[in-house]
PDB file of N, CA and C in Angstrom:
ATOM      1  N   MET A   1      17.888 -11.024 -25.342  1.00  0.00           N
ATOM      2  CA  MET A   1      17.709 -10.231 -24.140  1.00  0.00           C
ATOM      3  C   MET A   1      16.211 -10.079 -23.870  1.00  0.00           C
ATOM      4  N   ALA A   2      15.835 -10.284 -22.661  1.00  0.00           N
ATOM      5  CA  ALA A   2      14.430 -10.158 -22.280  1.00  0.00           C
ATOM      6  C   ALA A   2      14.029  -8.687 -22.198  1.00  0.00           C
ATOM      7  N   GLY A   3      12.747  -8.421 -22.414  1.00  0.00           N
ATOM      8  CA  GLY A   3      12.241  -7.056 -22.331  1.00  0.00           C
ATOM      9  C   GLY A   3      12.082  -6.610 -20.895  1.00  0.00           C
ATOM     10  N   ALA A   4      11.960  -5.312 -20.712  1.00  0.00           N
ATOM     11  CA  ALA A   4      11.780  -4.751 -19.376  1.00  0.00           C
ATOM     12  C   ALA A   4      10.390  -5.097 -18.853  1.00  0.00           C
ATOM     13  N   ILE A   5      10.315  -5.291 -17.558  1.00  0.00           N
ATOM     14  CA  ILE A   5       9.034  -5.574 -16.925  1.00  0.00           C
ATOM     15  C   ILE A   5       8.394  -4.245 -16.562  1.00  0.00           C
ATOM     16  N   ARG A   6       7.174  -4.033 -16.997  1.00  0.00           N
ATOM     17  CA  ARG A   6       6.470  -2.783 -16.725  1.00  0.00           C
ATOM     18  C   ARG A   6       5.751  -2.882 -15.388  1.00  0.00           C
ATOM     19  N   MET A   7       6.022  -1.939 -14.518  1.00  0.00           N
ATOM     20  CA  MET A   7       5.363  -1.869 -13.218  1.00  0.00           C
ATOM     21  C   MET A   7       4.348  -0.741 -13.280  1.00  0.00           C
ATOM     22  N   LYS A   8       3.106  -1.021 -12.865  1.00  0.00           N
ATOM     23  CA  LYS A   8       2.071   0.003 -12.917  1.00  0.00           C
ATOM     24  C   LYS A   8       1.197  -0.047 -11.666  1.00  0.00           C
ATOM     25  N   PRO A   9       1.689   0.573 -10.562  1.00  0.00           N
ATOM     26  CA  PRO A   9       0.857   0.637  -9.354  1.00  0.00           C
ATOM     27  C   PRO A   9      -0.337   1.557  -9.597  1.00  0.00           C
ATOM     28  N   ASP A  10      -1.336   1.455  -8.733  1.00  0.00           N
ATOM     29  CA  ASP A  10      -2.537   2.278  -8.882  1.00  0.00           C
ATOM     30  C   ASP A  10      -2.279   3.754  -8.593  1.00  0.00           C
ATOM     31  N   PHE A  11      -1.390   4.054  -7.645  1.00  0.00           N
ATOM     32  CA  PHE A  11      -1.154   5.440  -7.263  1.00  0.00           C
ATOM     33  C   PHE A  11       0.281   5.611  -6.801  1.00  0.00           C
ATOM     34  N   VAL A  12       0.947   6.624  -7.324  1.00  0.00           N
ATOM     35  CA  VAL A  12       2.292   6.979  -6.886  1.00  0.00           C
ATOM     36  C   VAL A  12       2.257   8.438  -6.442  1.00  0.00           C
ATOM     37  N   LEU A  13       2.660   8.687  -5.204  1.00  0.00           N
ATOM     38  CA  LEU A  13       2.683  10.040  -4.649  1.00  0.00           C
ATOM     39  C   LEU A  13       4.067  10.630  -4.861  1.00  0.00           C
ATOM     40  N   HIS A  14       4.092  11.832  -5.446  1.00  0.00           N
ATOM     41  CA  HIS A  14       5.341  12.548  -5.660  1.00  0.00           C
ATOM     42  C   HIS A  14       5.401  13.741  -4.722  1.00  0.00           C
ATOM     43  N   GLY A  15       6.585  14.050  -4.226  1.00  0.00           N
ATOM     44  CA  GLY A  15       6.785  15.204  -3.362  1.00  0.00           C
ATOM     45  C   GLY A  15       6.927  16.473  -4.175  1.00  0.00           C
ATOM     46  N   PRO A  16       7.074  17.609  -3.507  1.00  0.00           N
ATOM     47  CA  PRO A  16       7.216  18.898  -4.189  1.00  0.00           C
ATOM     48  C   PRO A  16       8.413  18.939  -5.146  1.00  0.00           C
ATOM     49  N   ASP A  17       9.442  18.144  -4.831  1.00  0.00           N
ATOM     50  CA  ASP A  17      10.635  18.107  -5.680  1.00  0.00           C
ATOM     51  C   ASP A  17      10.504  17.101  -6.820  1.00  0.00           C
ATOM     52  N   GLY A  18       9.346  16.433  -6.912  1.00  0.00           N
ATOM     53  CA  GLY A  18       9.118  15.456  -7.972  1.00  0.00           C
ATOM     54  C   GLY A  18       9.560  14.048  -7.631  1.00  0.00           C
ATOM     55  N   ALA A  19      10.224  13.886  -6.495  1.00  0.00           N
ATOM     56  CA  ALA A  19      10.690  12.555  -6.092  1.00  0.00           C
ATOM     57  C   ALA A  19       9.502  11.703  -5.642  1.00  0.00           C
ATOM     58  N   VAL A  20       9.591  10.414  -5.920  1.00  0.00           N
ATOM     59  CA  VAL A  20       8.544   9.483  -5.491  1.00  0.00           C
ATOM     60  C   VAL A  20       8.595   9.346  -3.980  1.00  0.00           C
ATOM     61  N   CYS A  21       7.431   9.537  -3.339  1.00  0.00           N
ATOM     62  CA  CYS A  21       7.347   9.480  -1.872  1.00  0.00           C
ATOM     63  C   CYS A  21       6.612   8.252  -1.364  1.00  0.00           C
ATOM     64  N   ALA A  22       5.615   7.772  -2.119  1.00  0.00           N
ATOM     65  CA  ALA A  22       4.803   6.653  -1.650  1.00  0.00           C
ATOM     66  C   ALA A  22       4.170   5.941  -2.835  1.00  0.00           C
ATOM     67  N   VAL A  23       3.852   4.679  -2.617  1.00  0.00           N
ATOM     68  CA  VAL A  23       3.181   3.880  -3.637  1.00  0.00           C
ATOM     69  C   VAL A  23       1.992   3.175  -2.998  1.00  0.00           C
ATOM     70  N   VAL A  24       0.870   3.113  -3.761  1.00  0.00           N
ATOM     71  CA  VAL A  24      -0.364   2.501  -3.270  1.00  0.00           C
ATOM     72  C   VAL A  24      -0.903   1.566  -4.340  1.00  0.00           C
ATOM     73  N   ASP A  25      -1.399   0.429  -3.904  1.00  0.00           N
ATOM     74  CA  ASP A  25      -2.139  -0.451  -4.798  1.00  0.00           C
ATOM     75  C   ASP A  25      -3.466  -0.760  -4.121  1.00  0.00           C
ATOM     76  N   ALA A  26      -4.549  -0.486  -4.829  1.00  0.00           N
ATOM     77  CA  ALA A  26      -5.891  -0.697  -4.281  1.00  0.00           C
ATOM     78  C   ALA A  26      -6.400  -2.080  -4.666  1.00  0.00           C
ATOM     79  N   LYS A  27      -7.039  -2.734  -3.723  1.00  0.00           N
ATOM     80  CA  LYS A  27      -7.582  -4.076  -3.931  1.00  0.00           C
ATOM     81  C   LYS A  27      -9.064  -4.051  -3.598  1.00  0.00           C
ATOM     82  N   TYR A  28      -9.891  -4.249  -4.592  1.00  0.00           N
ATOM     83  CA  TYR A  28     -11.331  -4.253  -4.355  1.00  0.00           C
ATOM     84  C   TYR A  28     -11.769  -5.685  -4.074  1.00  0.00           C
ATOM     85  N   LYS A  29     -11.304  -6.180  -2.932  1.00  0.00           N
ATOM     86  CA  LYS A  29     -11.644  -7.533  -2.482  1.00  0.00           C
ATOM     87  C   LYS A  29     -11.442  -7.584  -0.989  1.00  0.00           C
ATOM     88  N   ALA A  30     -12.066  -8.529  -0.374  1.00  0.00           N
ATOM     89  CA  ALA A  30     -11.901  -8.724   1.062  1.00  0.00           C
ATOM     90  C   ALA A  30     -10.792  -9.734   1.300  1.00  0.00           C
ATOM     91  N   GLU A  31     -10.095  -9.557   2.402  1.00  0.00           N
ATOM     92  CA  GLU A  31      -9.070 -10.506   2.805  1.00  0.00           C
ATOM     93  C   GLU A  31      -9.742 -11.819   3.198  1.00  0.00           C
ATOM     94  N   LYS A  32      -9.114 -12.937   2.840  1.00  0.00           N
ATOM     95  CA  LYS A  32      -9.633 -14.234   3.276  1.00  0.00           C
ATOM     96  C   LYS A  32      -9.331 -14.403   4.759  1.00  0.00           C
ATOM     97  N   ARG A  33     -10.277 -14.941   5.473  1.00  0.00           N
ATOM     98  CA  ARG A  33     -10.117 -15.125   6.917  1.00  0.00           C
ATOM     99  C   ARG A  33      -8.886 -15.984   7.214  1.00  0.00           C
ATOM    100  N   ASP A  34      -8.077 -15.517   8.168  1.00  0.00           N
ATOM    101  CA  ASP A  34      -6.882 -16.223   8.627  1.00  0.00           C
ATOM    102  C   ASP A  34      -5.823 -16.432   7.555  1.00  0.00           C
ATOM    103  N   GLU A  35      -5.851 -15.652   6.478  1.00  0.00           N
ATOM    104  CA  GLU A  35      -4.827 -15.762   5.445  1.00  0.00           C
ATOM    105  C   GLU A  35      -4.350 -14.383   5.044  1.00  0.00           C
ATOM    106  N   PHE A  36      -3.057 -14.241   4.840  1.00  0.00           N
ATOM    107  CA  PHE A  36      -2.542 -13.012   4.262  1.00  0.00           C
ATOM    108  C   PHE A  36      -2.532 -13.206   2.750  1.00  0.00           C
ATOM    109  N   PRO A  37      -2.888 -12.184   2.006  1.00  0.00           N
ATOM    110  CA  PRO A  37      -2.866 -12.293   0.541  1.00  0.00           C
ATOM    111  C   PRO A  37      -1.425 -12.187   0.051  1.00  0.00           C
ATOM    112  N   ASP A  38      -0.701 -13.310   0.043  1.00  0.00           N
ATOM    113  CA  ASP A  38       0.714 -13.314  -0.299  1.00  0.00           C
ATOM    114  C   ASP A  38       1.000 -12.652  -1.638  1.00  0.00           C
ATOM    115  N   ALA A  39       0.190 -12.913  -2.654  1.00  0.00           N
ATOM    116  CA  ALA A  39       0.439 -12.331  -3.974  1.00  0.00           C
ATOM    117  C   ALA A  39       0.422 -10.807  -3.899  1.00  0.00           C
ATOM    118  N   ASP A  40      -0.472 -10.236  -3.097  1.00  0.00           N
ATOM    119  CA  ASP A  40      -0.538  -8.781  -2.940  1.00  0.00           C
ATOM    120  C   ASP A  40       0.727  -8.257  -2.283  1.00  0.00           C
ATOM    121  N   LEU A  41       1.213  -8.959  -1.265  1.00  0.00           N
ATOM    122  CA  LEU A  41       2.435  -8.549  -0.574  1.00  0.00           C
ATOM    123  C   LEU A  41       3.635  -8.611  -1.521  1.00  0.00           C
ATOM    124  N   TYR A  42       3.724  -9.664  -2.320  1.00  0.00           N
ATOM    125  CA  TYR A  42       4.827  -9.782  -3.280  1.00  0.00           C
ATOM    126  C   TYR A  42       4.755  -8.683  -4.332  1.00  0.00           C
ATOM    127  N   GLN A  43       3.551  -8.372  -4.774  1.00  0.00           N
ATOM    128  CA  GLN A  43       3.361  -7.316  -5.762  1.00  0.00           C
ATOM    129  C   GLN A  43       3.839  -5.975  -5.198  1.00  0.00           C
ATOM    130  N   MET A  44       3.460  -5.668  -3.951  1.00  0.00           N
ATOM    131  CA  MET A  44       3.886  -4.408  -3.351  1.00  0.00           C
ATOM    132  C   MET A  44       5.386  -4.393  -3.120  1.00  0.00           C
ATOM    133  N   LEU A  45       5.962  -5.524  -2.755  1.00  0.00           N
ATOM    134  CA  LEU A  45       7.408  -5.604  -2.595  1.00  0.00           C
ATOM    135  C   LEU A  45       8.101  -5.267  -3.917  1.00  0.00           C
ATOM    136  N   ALA A  46       7.561  -5.758  -5.016  1.00  0.00           N
ATOM    137  CA  ALA A  46       8.128  -5.457  -6.337  1.00  0.00           C
ATOM    138  C   ALA A  46       8.035  -3.965  -6.639  1.00  0.00           C
ATOM    139  N   TYR A  47       6.894  -3.341  -6.337  1.00  0.00           N
ATOM    140  CA  TYR A  47       6.746  -1.898  -6.566  1.00  0.00           C
ATOM    141  C   TYR A  47       7.764  -1.114  -5.747  1.00  0.00           C
ATOM    142  N   CYS A  48       7.873  -1.453  -4.461  1.00  0.00           N
ATOM    143  CA  CYS A  48       8.814  -0.739  -3.589  1.00  0.00           C
ATOM    144  C   CYS A  48      10.249  -0.888  -4.083  1.00  0.00           C
ATOM    145  N   THR A  49      10.596  -2.086  -4.504  1.00  0.00           N
ATOM    146  CA  THR A  49      11.941  -2.336  -5.010  1.00  0.00           C
ATOM    147  C   THR A  49      12.195  -1.527  -6.275  1.00  0.00           C
ATOM    148  N   ALA A  50      11.243  -1.553  -7.206  1.00  0.00           N
ATOM    149  CA  ALA A  50      11.407  -0.832  -8.476  1.00  0.00           C
ATOM    150  C   ALA A  50      11.482   0.679  -8.268  1.00  0.00           C
ATOM    151  N   LEU A  51      10.747   1.204  -7.290  1.00  0.00           N
ATOM    152  CA  LEU A  51      10.707   2.646  -7.051  1.00  0.00           C
ATOM    153  C   LEU A  51      11.724   3.115  -6.009  1.00  0.00           C
ATOM    154  N   GLY A  52      12.427   2.160  -5.384  1.00  0.00           N
ATOM    155  CA  GLY A  52      13.412   2.516  -4.370  1.00  0.00           C
ATOM    156  C   GLY A  52      12.798   3.053  -3.100  1.00  0.00           C
ATOM    157  N   LEU A  53      11.615   2.530  -2.728  1.00  0.00           N
ATOM    158  CA  LEU A  53      10.914   2.999  -1.539  1.00  0.00           C
ATOM    159  C   LEU A  53      11.045   2.002  -0.396  1.00  0.00           C
ATOM    160  N   PRO A  54      11.186   2.497   0.826  1.00  0.00           N
ATOM    161  CA  PRO A  54      11.277   1.606   1.976  1.00  0.00           C
ATOM    162  C   PRO A  54       9.921   1.170   2.515  1.00  0.00           C
ATOM    163  N   GLU A  55       8.823   1.759   1.998  1.00  0.00           N
ATOM    164  CA  GLU A  55       7.479   1.413   2.456  1.00  0.00           C
ATOM    165  C   GLU A  55       6.511   1.435   1.281  1.00  0.00           C
ATOM    166  N   GLY A  56       5.473   0.603   1.377  1.00  0.00           N
ATOM    167  CA  GLY A  56       4.408   0.588   0.380  1.00  0.00           C
ATOM    168  C   GLY A  56       3.075   0.372   1.065  1.00  0.00           C
ATOM    169  N   HIS A  57       1.987   0.675   0.346  1.00  0.00           N
ATOM    170  CA  HIS A  57       0.657   0.637   0.947  1.00  0.00           C
ATOM    171  C   HIS A  57      -0.326  -0.134   0.076  1.00  0.00           C
ATOM    172  N   LEU A  58      -0.970  -1.131   0.665  1.00  0.00           N
ATOM    173  CA  LEU A  58      -2.067  -1.858   0.033  1.00  0.00           C
ATOM    174  C   LEU A  58      -3.356  -1.383   0.687  1.00  0.00           C
ATOM    175  N   VAL A  59      -4.337  -1.028  -0.120  1.00  0.00           N
ATOM    176  CA  VAL A  59      -5.618  -0.555   0.408  1.00  0.00           C
ATOM    177  C   VAL A  59      -6.707  -1.501  -0.064  1.00  0.00           C
ATOM    178  N   TYR A  60      -7.403  -2.118   0.889  1.00  0.00           N
ATOM    179  CA  TYR A  60      -8.454  -3.085   0.589  1.00  0.00           C
ATOM    180  C   TYR A  60      -9.830  -2.467   0.801  1.00  0.00           C
ATOM    181  N   ALA A  61     -10.804  -2.969   0.045  1.00  0.00           N
ATOM    182  CA  ALA A  61     -12.188  -2.522   0.215  1.00  0.00           C
ATOM    183  C   ALA A  61     -12.707  -2.944   1.583  1.00  0.00           C
ATOM    184  N   LYS A  62     -12.223  -4.045   2.081  1.00  0.00           N
ATOM    185  CA  LYS A  62     -12.617  -4.495   3.421  1.00  0.00           C
ATOM    186  C   LYS A  62     -11.630  -5.565   3.860  1.00  0.00           C
ATOM    187  N   ARG A  63     -11.263  -5.535   5.139  1.00  0.00           N
ATOM    188  CA  ARG A  63     -10.356  -6.530   5.706  1.00  0.00           C
ATOM    189  C   ARG A  63     -10.786  -6.823   7.125  1.00  0.00           C
ATOM    190  N   ASN A  64     -10.103  -7.780   7.726  1.00  0.00           N
ATOM    191  CA  ASN A  64     -10.397  -8.134   9.108  1.00  0.00           C
ATOM    192  C   ASN A  64      -9.860  -7.102  10.094  1.00  0.00           C
ATOM    193  N   ALA A  65      -8.811  -6.368   9.726  1.00  0.00           N
ATOM    194  CA  ALA A  65      -8.215  -5.359  10.600  1.00  0.00           C
ATOM    195  C   ALA A  65      -8.123  -4.035   9.848  1.00  0.00           C
ATOM    196  N   VAL A  66      -8.126  -2.926  10.584  1.00  0.00           N
ATOM    197  CA  VAL A  66      -8.059  -1.617   9.954  1.00  0.00           C
ATOM    198  C   VAL A  66      -6.685  -1.350   9.368  1.00  0.00           C
ATOM    199  N   HIS A  67      -5.613  -1.724  10.087  1.00  0.00           N
ATOM    200  CA  HIS A  67      -4.258  -1.509   9.608  1.00  0.00           C
ATOM    201  C   HIS A  67      -3.352  -2.609  10.132  1.00  0.00           C
ATOM    202  N   ALA A  68      -2.454  -3.030   9.266  1.00  0.00           N
ATOM    203  CA  ALA A  68      -1.404  -3.973   9.658  1.00  0.00           C
ATOM    204  C   ALA A  68      -0.150  -3.569   8.900  1.00  0.00           C
ATOM    205  N   ALA A  69       1.004  -3.810   9.491  1.00  0.00           N
ATOM    206  CA  ALA A  69       2.273  -3.509   8.829  1.00  0.00           C
ATOM    207  C   ALA A  69       3.159  -4.740   8.917  1.00  0.00           C
ATOM    208  N   HIS A  70       3.802  -5.054   7.817  1.00  0.00           N
ATOM    209  CA  HIS A  70       4.674  -6.226   7.736  1.00  0.00           C
ATOM    210  C   HIS A  70       6.046  -5.768   7.255  1.00  0.00           C
ATOM    211  N   THR A  71       7.090  -6.183   7.945  1.00  0.00           N
ATOM    212  CA  THR A  71       8.447  -5.853   7.527  1.00  0.00           C
ATOM    213  C   THR A  71       9.051  -7.062   6.831  1.00  0.00           C
ATOM    214  N   VAL A  72       9.556  -6.836   5.623  1.00  0.00           N
ATOM    215  CA  VAL A  72      10.158  -7.917   4.844  1.00  0.00           C
ATOM    216  C   VAL A  72      11.564  -8.169   5.382  1.00  0.00           C
ATOM    217  N   ARG A  73      11.766  -9.382   5.827  1.00  0.00           N
ATOM    218  CA  ARG A  73      13.039  -9.772   6.414  1.00  0.00           C
ATOM    219  C   ARG A  73      14.192  -9.584   5.429  1.00  0.00           C
ATOM    220  N   HIS A  74      15.316  -9.168   5.916  1.00  0.00           N
ATOM    221  CA  HIS A  74      16.579  -8.982   5.205  1.00  0.00           C
ATOM    222  C   HIS A  74      16.624  -7.730   4.333  1.00  0.00           C
ATOM    223  N   VAL A  75      15.494  -7.125   4.004  1.00  0.00           N
ATOM    224  CA  VAL A  75      15.521  -5.895   3.211  1.00  0.00           C
ATOM    225  C   VAL A  75      14.916  -4.718   3.953  1.00  0.00           C
ATOM    226  N   GLY A  76      14.100  -4.993   4.986  1.00  0.00           N
ATOM    227  CA  GLY A  76      13.538  -3.939   5.812  1.00  0.00           C
ATOM    228  C   GLY A  76      12.396  -3.147   5.201  1.00  0.00           C
ATOM    229  N   ILE A  77      11.905  -3.542   4.038  1.00  0.00           N
ATOM    230  CA  ILE A  77      10.775  -2.845   3.432  1.00  0.00           C
ATOM    231  C   ILE A  77       9.519  -3.136   4.249  1.00  0.00           C
ATOM    232  N   VAL A  78       8.758  -2.088   4.548  1.00  0.00           N
ATOM    233  CA  VAL A  78       7.530  -2.220   5.331  1.00  0.00           C
ATOM    234  C   VAL A  78       6.340  -2.117   4.381  1.00  0.00           C
ATOM    235  N   ILE A  79       5.469  -3.097   4.454  1.00  0.00           N
ATOM    236  CA  ILE A  79       4.254  -3.094   3.636  1.00  0.00           C
ATOM    237  C   ILE A  79       3.066  -2.897   4.569  1.00  0.00           C
ATOM    238  N   HIS A  80       2.375  -1.782   4.353  1.00  0.00           N
ATOM    239  CA  HIS A  80       1.200  -1.447   5.147  1.00  0.00           C
ATOM    240  C   HIS A  80      -0.037  -1.968   4.431  1.00  0.00           C
ATOM    241  N   GLN A  81      -0.947  -2.534   5.202  1.00  0.00           N
ATOM    242  CA  GLN A  81      -2.245  -2.964   4.667  1.00  0.00           C
ATOM    243  C   GLN A  81      -3.318  -2.157   5.392  1.00  0.00           C
ATOM    244  N   HIS A  82      -4.137  -1.468   4.610  1.00  0.00           N
ATOM    245  CA  HIS A  82      -5.200  -0.615   5.141  1.00  0.00           C
ATOM    246  C   HIS A  82      -6.553  -1.177   4.713  1.00  0.00           C
ATOM    247  N   ALA A  83      -7.569  -0.920   5.512  1.00  0.00           N
ATOM    248  CA  ALA A  83      -8.921  -1.359   5.179  1.00  0.00           C
ATOM    249  C   ALA A  83      -9.854  -0.165   5.124  1.00  0.00           C
ATOM    250  N   LEU A  84     -10.644  -0.099   4.075  1.00  0.00           N
ATOM    251  CA  LEU A  84     -11.701   0.908   3.960  1.00  0.00           C
ATOM    252  C   LEU A  84     -13.009   0.160   3.783  1.00  0.00           C
ATOM    253  N   ASP A  85     -13.879   0.253   4.765  1.00  0.00           N
ATOM    254  CA  ASP A  85     -15.186  -0.396   4.665  1.00  0.00           C
ATOM    255  C   ASP A  85     -16.094   0.517   3.858  1.00  0.00           C
ATOM    256  N   LEU A  86     -16.316   0.169   2.598  1.00  0.00           N
ATOM    257  CA  LEU A  86     -17.082   1.018   1.690  1.00  0.00           C
ATOM    258  C   LEU A  86     -18.560   1.078   2.037  1.00  0.00           C
ATOM    259  N   GLY A  87     -19.021   0.231   2.937  1.00  0.00           N
ATOM    260  CA  GLY A  87     -20.423   0.223   3.336  1.00  0.00           C
ATOM    261  C   GLY A  87     -20.728   1.086   4.545  1.00  0.00           C
ATOM    262  N   GLN A  88     -19.707   1.706   5.115  1.00  0.00           N
ATOM    263  CA  GLN A  88     -19.944   2.503   6.317  1.00  0.00           C
ATOM    264  C   GLN A  88     -20.466   3.900   5.973  1.00  0.00           C
ATOM    265  N   ASP A  89     -20.863   4.620   6.984  1.00  0.00           N
ATOM    266  CA  ASP A  89     -21.350   5.988   6.837  1.00  0.00           C
ATOM    267  C   ASP A  89     -20.308   6.841   6.108  1.00  0.00           C
ATOM    268  N   HIS A  90     -20.787   7.773   5.279  1.00  0.00           N
ATOM    269  CA  HIS A  90     -19.919   8.628   4.461  1.00  0.00           C
ATOM    270  C   HIS A  90     -18.856   9.345   5.287  1.00  0.00           C
ATOM    271  N   SER A  91     -19.241   9.915   6.421  1.00  0.00           N
ATOM    272  CA  SER A  91     -18.282  10.663   7.239  1.00  0.00           C
ATOM    273  C   SER A  91     -17.226   9.736   7.845  1.00  0.00           C
ATOM    274  N   GLU A  92     -17.629   8.521   8.226  1.00  0.00           N
ATOM    275  CA  GLU A  92     -16.672   7.553   8.765  1.00  0.00           C
ATOM    276  C   GLU A  92     -15.695   7.104   7.682  1.00  0.00           C
ATOM    277  N   LEU A  93     -16.204   6.875   6.473  1.00  0.00           N
ATOM    278  CA  LEU A  93     -15.339   6.479   5.362  1.00  0.00           C
ATOM    279  C   LEU A  93     -14.332   7.582   5.060  1.00  0.00           C
ATOM    280  N   LEU A  94     -14.785   8.816   5.027  1.00  0.00           N
ATOM    281  CA  LEU A  94     -13.894   9.949   4.771  1.00  0.00           C
ATOM    282  C   LEU A  94     -12.816  10.042   5.856  1.00  0.00           C
ATOM    283  N   ALA A  95     -13.178   9.802   7.098  1.00  0.00           N
ATOM    284  CA  ALA A  95     -12.197   9.819   8.190  1.00  0.00           C
ATOM    285  C   ALA A  95     -11.161   8.717   7.990  1.00  0.00           C
ATOM    286  N   ASN A  96     -11.591   7.528   7.547  1.00  0.00           N
ATOM    287  CA  ASN A  96     -10.655   6.434   7.275  1.00  0.00           C
ATOM    288  C   ASN A  96      -9.733   6.768   6.109  1.00  0.00           C
ATOM    289  N   VAL A  97     -10.261   7.403   5.077  1.00  0.00           N
ATOM    290  CA  VAL A  97      -9.440   7.817   3.930  1.00  0.00           C
ATOM    291  C   VAL A  97      -8.395   8.831   4.388  1.00  0.00           C
ATOM    292  N   GLU A  98      -8.785   9.745   5.259  1.00  0.00           N
ATOM    293  CA  GLU A  98      -7.843  10.731   5.779  1.00  0.00           C
ATOM    294  C   GLU A  98      -6.732  10.068   6.594  1.00  0.00           C
ATOM    295  N   GLU A  99      -7.052   9.005   7.333  1.00  0.00           N
ATOM    296  CA  GLU A  99      -6.035   8.262   8.087  1.00  0.00           C
ATOM    297  C   GLU A  99      -5.024   7.622   7.145  1.00  0.00           C
ATOM    298  N   VAL A 100      -5.517   7.019   6.071  1.00  0.00           N
ATOM    299  CA  VAL A 100      -4.620   6.403   5.087  1.00  0.00           C
ATOM    300  C   VAL A 100      -3.751   7.480   4.449  1.00  0.00           C
ATOM    301  N   ALA A 101      -4.356   8.604   4.077  1.00  0.00           N
ATOM    302  CA  ALA A 101      -3.605   9.707   3.458  1.00  0.00           C
ATOM    303  C   ALA A 101      -2.508  10.212   4.396  1.00  0.00           C
ATOM    304  N   ALA A 102      -2.808  10.302   5.679  1.00  0.00           N
ATOM    305  CA  ALA A 102      -1.799  10.750   6.659  1.00  0.00           C
ATOM    306  C   ALA A 102      -0.630   9.790   6.705  1.00  0.00           C
ATOM    307  N   ARG A 103      -0.907   8.497   6.633  1.00  0.00           N
ATOM    308  CA  ARG A 103       0.186   7.507   6.617  1.00  0.00           C
ATOM    309  C   ARG A 103       1.023   7.646   5.347  1.00  0.00           C
ATOM    310  N   LEU A 104       0.371   7.944   4.225  1.00  0.00           N
ATOM    311  CA  LEU A 104       1.098   8.096   2.968  1.00  0.00           C
ATOM    312  C   LEU A 104       2.097   9.256   3.040  1.00  0.00           C
ATOM    313  N   VAL A 105       1.632  10.388   3.528  1.00  0.00           N
ATOM    314  CA  VAL A 105       2.515  11.547   3.558  1.00  0.00           C
ATOM    315  C   VAL A 105       3.598  11.412   4.624  1.00  0.00           C
ATOM    316  N   SER A 106       3.414  10.492   5.575  1.00  0.00           N
ATOM    317  CA  SER A 106       4.453  10.289   6.589  1.00  0.00           C
ATOM    318  C   SER A 106       5.367   9.116   6.230  1.00  0.00           C
ATOM    319  N   THR A 107       5.182   8.524   5.053  1.00  0.00           N
ATOM    320  CA  THR A 107       6.037   7.423   4.615  1.00  0.00           C
ATOM    321  C   THR A 107       7.483   7.905   4.582  1.00  0.00           C
ATOM    322  N   ARG A 108       8.342   7.139   5.183  1.00  0.00           N
ATOM    323  CA  ARG A 108       9.754   7.534   5.226  1.00  0.00           C
ATOM    324  C   ARG A 108      10.385   7.350   3.863  1.00  0.00           C
ATOM    325  N   ARG A 109      11.355   8.187   3.566  1.00  0.00           N
ATOM    326  CA  ARG A 109      12.058   8.116   2.286  1.00  0.00           C
ATOM    327  C   ARG A 109      13.455   7.543   2.513  1.00  0.00           C
ATOM    328  N   VAL A 110      14.019   7.015   1.464  1.00  0.00           N
ATOM    329  CA  VAL A 110      15.367   6.441   1.551  1.00  0.00           C
ATOM    330  C   VAL A 110      16.389   7.533   1.766  1.00  0.00           C
TER     331      VAL A 110
END
């Protein structure tokens, strides 16, 4: 019998009742131009599946777009991709972090 696969996302948000509400994986890399990072999307799909979540969040240090959402066909899981430009002004970065946080707390539950 094979051993269990250990899943370890960077951040798991729990609600007041202790239930898992959201999952985040941070990527300290830039997106390649005109390419989606397929491995990152598959990784988040695995986290969402393991945690029973209908949505997951990838946060990049920098990307071509501020936010994108992808729905996985046949299962309906939505994978959000967020961008935080770490080189921007402190107040602008904080505002972007607050936007990501707002999306996390509004993640729909099963």
